[in-house]
Amino acid sequence: MRMLARTGPPSAPEDSAWRIEGRIALRSGELLRIRDGRGWTIAVAEGEVWITQDGDSRDIVIEARDRFRLERAGLSLVQALRHSRITLLLPLSEHRAPRVDRIRPRTTRYWGSIFASST
């Protein structure tokens, strides 16, 4: 299931103030692993990202000027579908920071020769 999420900032009073926790540039294919990011918001400034959360069967795709609030504890993945810039936002009421790991896509290099022959 592919879902295009267009969500604004949460309206709950305790979540109305945000602290910017990090701004990250992602190359196409690059992946972020966020552990225990429940309550964090991913805001896309440029590009397009795919988000999935542990225990959630939805595929969330958000584009520039969109944001998505992580709803679950555990592991969340954010992958750049094209070159993207994102911001991680934390409600001021939060006192913990999730662990975020950047995973760069592997590139395969071909070493050797290509031979063609005609019969």
Protein backbone atom coordinates (compact mmCIF):
# COMPACT_ATOMS: atom_id res chain seq x y z
CA MET A 1 0.00 0.00 0.00
CA ARG A 2 1.41 3.39 -0.96
CA MET A 3 0.07 6.34 0.96
CA LEU A 4 0.78 9.97 0.24
CA ALA A 5 0.64 11.64 3.63
CA ARG A 6 -0.08 15.32 3.86
CA THR A 7 -0.14 16.25 7.49
CA GLY A 8 0.36 19.52 9.31
CA PRO A 9 1.84 19.99 12.76
CA PRO A 10 -0.07 18.32 15.59
CA SER A 11 -2.56 20.61 17.31
CA ALA A 12 -2.22 19.32 20.87
CA PRO A 13 -1.11 22.16 23.21
CA GLU A 14 1.94 20.29 24.51
CA ASP A 15 3.06 19.70 20.92
CA SER A 16 2.54 23.22 19.61
CA ALA A 17 6.15 24.28 20.21
CA TRP A 18 8.88 22.47 18.35
CA ARG A 19 12.61 22.21 18.76
CA ILE A 20 14.59 21.58 15.61
CA GLU A 21 16.77 18.60 16.34
CA GLY A 22 18.57 18.15 13.05
CA ARG A 23 18.64 19.05 9.39
CA ILE A 24 19.80 16.28 7.12
CA ALA A 25 20.57 16.12 3.39
CA LEU A 26 19.93 12.68 1.91
CA ARG A 27 21.08 11.38 -1.44
CA SER A 28 18.71 9.25 -3.50
CA GLY A 29 18.53 5.80 -1.92
CA GLU A 30 20.09 6.90 1.35
CA LEU A 31 18.36 5.59 4.46
CA LEU A 32 17.93 6.81 8.04
CA ARG A 33 17.19 4.36 10.84
CA ILE A 34 15.41 6.08 13.72
CA ARG A 35 15.08 4.12 16.95
CA ASP A 36 12.39 5.15 19.43
CA GLY A 37 11.37 8.28 17.52
CA ARG A 38 7.71 8.27 18.58
CA GLY A 39 6.42 11.85 18.63
CA TRP A 40 9.15 13.16 16.35
CA THR A 41 8.09 14.88 13.14
CA ILE A 42 9.89 14.48 9.82
CA ALA A 43 9.51 17.60 7.68
CA VAL A 44 10.63 17.51 4.04
CA ALA A 45 12.12 20.76 2.74
CA GLU A 46 13.14 19.35 -0.64
CA GLY A 47 12.66 16.05 -2.46
CA GLU A 48 10.59 13.02 -1.50
CA VAL A 49 11.00 10.37 1.21
CA TRP A 50 9.43 7.03 2.07
CA ILE A 51 8.70 6.28 5.73
CA THR A 52 7.78 3.03 7.42
CA GLN A 53 7.39 2.27 11.13
CA ASP A 54 7.75 -0.96 13.08
CA GLY A 55 4.36 -2.68 13.32
CA ASP A 56 2.70 -0.40 10.74
CA SER A 57 1.84 -1.88 7.34
CA ARG A 58 1.51 1.53 5.66
CA ASP A 59 4.05 2.97 3.26
CA ILE A 60 4.10 6.72 3.79
CA VAL A 61 5.52 8.94 1.06
CA ILE A 62 5.90 12.65 1.72
CA GLU A 63 7.21 15.40 -0.52
CA ALA A 64 8.57 18.93 -0.10
CA ARG A 65 6.53 21.07 2.32
CA ASP A 66 4.92 17.98 3.89
CA ARG A 67 5.53 16.47 7.30
CA PHE A 68 4.75 13.26 9.12
CA ARG A 69 4.73 12.56 12.84
CA LEU A 70 6.12 9.19 13.91
CA GLU A 71 3.37 7.37 15.78
CA ARG A 72 5.19 4.30 17.05
CA ALA A 73 8.11 3.45 19.26
CA GLY A 74 10.67 1.03 17.88
CA LEU A 75 12.39 1.24 14.55
CA SER A 76 11.34 3.69 11.82
CA LEU A 77 12.99 3.92 8.41
CA VAL A 78 13.22 7.03 6.23
CA GLN A 79 14.55 6.56 2.69
CA ALA A 80 15.17 9.29 0.15
CA LEU A 81 13.37 8.48 -3.11
CA ARG A 82 15.36 11.30 -4.72
CA HIS A 83 17.81 13.89 -3.39
CA SER A 84 16.08 15.31 -0.29
CA ARG A 85 16.57 17.64 2.63
CA ILE A 86 14.65 16.84 5.81
CA THR A 87 14.33 18.33 9.28
CA LEU A 88 13.73 16.30 12.43
CA LEU A 89 11.45 18.14 14.85
CA LEU A 90 10.96 17.24 18.50
CA PRO A 91 8.11 18.55 20.69
CA LEU A 92 9.51 20.69 23.50
CA SER A 93 7.80 18.40 26.01
CA GLU A 94 10.16 15.54 25.03
CA HIS A 95 13.31 15.02 27.04
CA ARG A 96 14.78 12.12 25.14
CA ALA A 97 16.45 11.86 21.78
CA PRO A 98 16.08 8.84 19.52
CA ARG A 99 19.08 7.20 17.93
CA VAL A 100 19.45 8.09 14.25
CA ASP A 101 21.81 6.19 11.95
CA ARG A 102 22.57 7.14 8.34
CA ILE A 103 22.94 4.28 5.89
CA ARG A 104 24.42 5.14 2.52
CA PRO A 105 23.50 3.01 -0.49
CA ARG A 106 26.22 0.72 -1.73
CA THR A 107 27.58 1.20 -5.19
CA THR A 108 28.88 -1.73 -7.16
CA ARG A 109 31.92 -1.22 -9.32
CA TYR A 110 32.71 -3.52 -12.18
CA TRP A 111 36.34 -4.43 -12.56
CA GLY A 112 37.30 -6.40 -15.61
CA SER A 113 36.78 -6.46 -19.33
CA ILE A 114 33.79 -7.00 -21.56
CA PHE A 115 34.47 -9.00 -24.73
CA ALA A 116 32.19 -9.24 -27.72
CA SER A 117 32.57 -11.75 -30.49
CA SER A 118 30.70 -12.48 -33.64
CA THR A 119 30.08 -15.95 -34.98
